Amino acid sequence: MELIRQFSVFLVNKPGVLAQVTKTIAQAKINILAMTMTDTSEHGVLRLVGEDPEHLRGALAGLNLPTTETDVLMVTMANKAGALAEVCQKLADAHINIAYAYCTTGASGGRTKGVFKVADPKKAMKVLKDKHGHTKESKLKVHRPAVLR
């Protein structure tokens, strides 16, 4: 699990806008780790995390679109029924609010990543770790962001 930088990009609801953003990210050779797209009556909101937040920030800046950044918790989980529920329950038991969450898909029997915007990221990391830095049941892998290595 790691605390990672998420970018929220506010897009006009028009054909081709999401294609332009994803093409720019692809041309910058930035791998997207997870993303979600939602819409409102005024605009769409693209939330994404990438392998290189500094590089991603630069690529997005060139698009001249309203963008915000926030720290989110990225948790590596088993790709099996109940893995997401286990993480959510542990956070609920510790009275940590989840504002929103989204997940990647993984290969059968493999791993998947869940992105959680939580009220208290440091407390959430403590709750999800045992004394060895892993969750007790699912043995979640602990990573440090590349920028901190």
Protein backbone atom coordinates (compact mmCIF):
# COMPACT_ATOMS: atom_id res chain seq x y z
CA MET A 1 0.00 0.00 0.00
CA GLU A 2 1.18 3.50 -0.63
CA LEU A 3 0.13 7.10 -0.40
CA ILE A 4 0.14 8.34 -3.99
CA ARG A 5 -0.72 11.56 -5.82
CA GLN A 6 -4.04 11.56 -7.68
CA PHE A 7 -4.90 14.09 -10.36
CA SER A 8 -8.48 15.21 -10.96
CA VAL A 9 -8.93 16.77 -14.39
CA PHE A 10 -12.14 18.65 -15.16
CA LEU A 11 -13.26 18.06 -18.73
CA VAL A 12 -15.90 19.62 -20.95
CA ASN A 13 -18.51 17.02 -21.94
CA LYS A 14 -17.66 16.92 -25.66
CA PRO A 15 -16.54 14.13 -27.98
CA GLY A 16 -12.77 13.78 -28.20
CA VAL A 17 -11.79 15.54 -24.95
CA LEU A 18 -10.99 12.33 -23.05
CA ALA A 19 -9.20 11.01 -26.14
CA GLN A 20 -7.02 14.14 -26.21
CA VAL A 21 -6.08 13.75 -22.53
CA THR A 22 -5.27 10.05 -22.79
CA LYS A 23 -3.30 10.59 -26.01
CA THR A 24 -1.20 13.28 -24.31
CA ILE A 25 -0.49 10.92 -21.40
CA ALA A 26 0.39 8.11 -23.81
CA GLN A 27 2.73 10.34 -25.84
CA ALA A 28 4.50 11.26 -22.60
CA LYS A 29 4.94 7.50 -22.02
CA ILE A 30 3.25 7.61 -18.61
CA ASN A 31 1.61 4.41 -17.45
CA ILE A 32 -1.80 4.98 -15.85
CA LEU A 33 -2.13 2.78 -12.75
CA ALA A 34 -5.82 3.48 -12.14
CA MET A 35 -8.47 5.89 -13.36
CA THR A 36 -12.16 6.66 -13.15
CA MET A 37 -14.36 9.03 -15.11
CA THR A 38 -17.57 10.56 -13.81
CA ASP A 39 -19.81 13.28 -15.15
CA THR A 40 -21.97 16.05 -13.79
CA SER A 41 -24.29 18.36 -15.65
CA GLU A 42 -21.47 20.91 -16.09
CA HIS A 43 -18.35 18.78 -16.72
CA GLY A 44 -16.67 15.41 -16.47
CA VAL A 45 -14.15 14.57 -13.77
CA LEU A 46 -11.25 12.29 -14.69
CA ARG A 47 -9.42 10.98 -11.63
CA LEU A 48 -6.18 9.14 -12.25
CA VAL A 49 -2.92 8.01 -10.74
CA GLY A 50 0.17 7.33 -12.79
CA GLU A 51 3.58 5.76 -12.25
CA ASP A 52 5.41 9.09 -12.33
CA PRO A 53 3.38 11.90 -10.69
CA GLU A 54 5.90 14.65 -11.55
CA HIS A 55 5.94 13.67 -15.23
CA LEU A 56 2.15 13.30 -15.25
CA ARG A 57 1.77 16.79 -13.74
CA GLY A 58 3.85 18.22 -16.58
CA ALA A 59 1.90 16.38 -19.26
CA LEU A 60 -1.43 17.56 -17.86
CA ALA A 61 -0.21 21.14 -17.51
CA GLY A 62 0.27 21.30 -21.28
CA LEU A 63 -3.44 20.63 -21.81
CA ASN A 64 -4.50 23.84 -20.01
CA LEU A 65 -7.40 22.09 -18.26
CA PRO A 66 -8.48 22.73 -14.65
CA THR A 67 -6.66 20.14 -12.55
CA THR A 68 -6.40 19.46 -8.83
CA GLU A 69 -4.14 17.10 -6.90
CA THR A 70 -4.72 15.11 -3.75
CA ASP A 71 -3.09 12.25 -1.89
CA VAL A 72 -4.95 8.95 -1.99
CA LEU A 73 -4.25 5.53 -0.59
CA MET A 74 -3.46 2.84 -3.17
CA VAL A 75 -3.87 -0.64 -1.76
CA THR A 76 -2.75 -3.80 -3.55
CA MET A 77 -5.31 -6.56 -2.98
CA ALA A 78 -5.88 -10.12 -4.05
CA ASN A 79 -8.14 -10.29 -7.10
CA LYS A 80 -10.79 -12.35 -5.34
CA ALA A 81 -14.27 -11.95 -3.98
CA GLY A 82 -14.26 -10.14 -0.64
CA ALA A 83 -10.85 -8.44 -0.87
CA LEU A 84 -12.38 -4.97 -1.34
CA ALA A 85 -14.96 -5.63 1.38
CA GLU A 86 -12.16 -6.60 3.79
CA VAL A 87 -10.32 -3.30 3.28
CA CYS A 88 -13.53 -1.26 3.55
CA GLN A 89 -14.54 -3.08 6.74
CA LYS A 90 -11.17 -2.50 8.40
CA LEU A 91 -11.45 1.21 7.64
CA ALA A 92 -15.05 1.30 8.87
CA ASP A 93 -14.11 -0.49 12.11
CA ALA A 94 -11.48 2.23 12.70
CA HIS A 95 -14.08 4.95 11.98
CA ILE A 96 -12.20 6.16 8.89
CA ASN A 97 -14.50 7.67 6.27
CA ILE A 98 -14.03 6.71 2.61
CA ALA A 99 -15.03 9.71 0.49
CA TYR A 100 -14.71 7.66 -2.72
CA ALA A 101 -12.92 4.64 -4.09
CA TYR A 102 -12.21 2.95 -7.40
CA CYS A 103 -10.33 -0.17 -8.42
CA THR A 104 -8.31 -1.59 -11.25
CA THR A 105 -9.03 -5.00 -12.65
CA GLY A 106 -6.50 -7.77 -12.38
CA ALA A 107 -5.81 -11.14 -13.84
CA SER A 108 -7.67 -14.09 -12.37
CA GLY A 109 -5.83 -15.19 -9.25
CA GLY A 110 -3.60 -12.12 -9.54
CA ARG A 111 -3.53 -8.75 -7.85
CA THR A 112 -5.62 -5.64 -8.20
CA LYS A 113 -5.31 -2.11 -6.82
CA GLY A 114 -7.89 -0.10 -4.96
CA VAL A 115 -7.66 3.69 -4.74
CA PHE A 116 -9.22 5.19 -1.62
CA LYS A 117 -9.77 8.85 -0.77
CA VAL A 118 -9.95 8.63 3.00
CA ALA A 119 -10.38 11.22 5.74
CA ASP A 120 -7.17 10.22 7.55
CA PRO A 121 -4.59 8.55 5.27
CA LYS A 122 -1.95 8.03 7.98
CA LYS A 123 -4.42 6.36 10.32
CA ALA A 124 -5.75 4.25 7.44
CA MET A 125 -2.24 3.01 6.64
CA LYS A 126 -1.72 2.01 10.28
CA VAL A 127 -5.07 0.19 10.38
CA LEU A 128 -4.34 -1.77 7.22
CA LYS A 129 -0.81 -2.80 8.28
CA ASP A 130 0.21 -5.39 10.85
CA LYS A 131 3.54 -5.18 12.68
CA HIS A 132 5.31 -6.56 9.56
CA GLY A 133 3.86 -3.94 7.19
CA HIS A 134 1.26 -6.30 5.67
CA THR A 135 -2.44 -6.73 6.20
CA LYS A 136 -3.15 -9.81 8.27
CA GLU A 137 -5.52 -11.71 5.98
CA SER A 138 -4.57 -10.66 2.47
CA LYS A 139 -0.83 -9.93 2.85
CA LEU A 140 -1.04 -6.67 0.93
CA LYS A 141 2.24 -5.57 -0.60
CA VAL A 142 3.69 -2.34 0.81
CA HIS A 143 5.41 0.05 -1.65
CA ARG A 144 6.99 3.44 -1.28
CA PRO A 145 6.17 5.95 -4.04
CA ALA A 146 8.96 6.14 -6.63
CA VAL A 147 9.55 9.81 -5.78
CA LEU A 148 10.45 8.82 -2.19
CA ARG A 149 12.90 6.04 -3.14
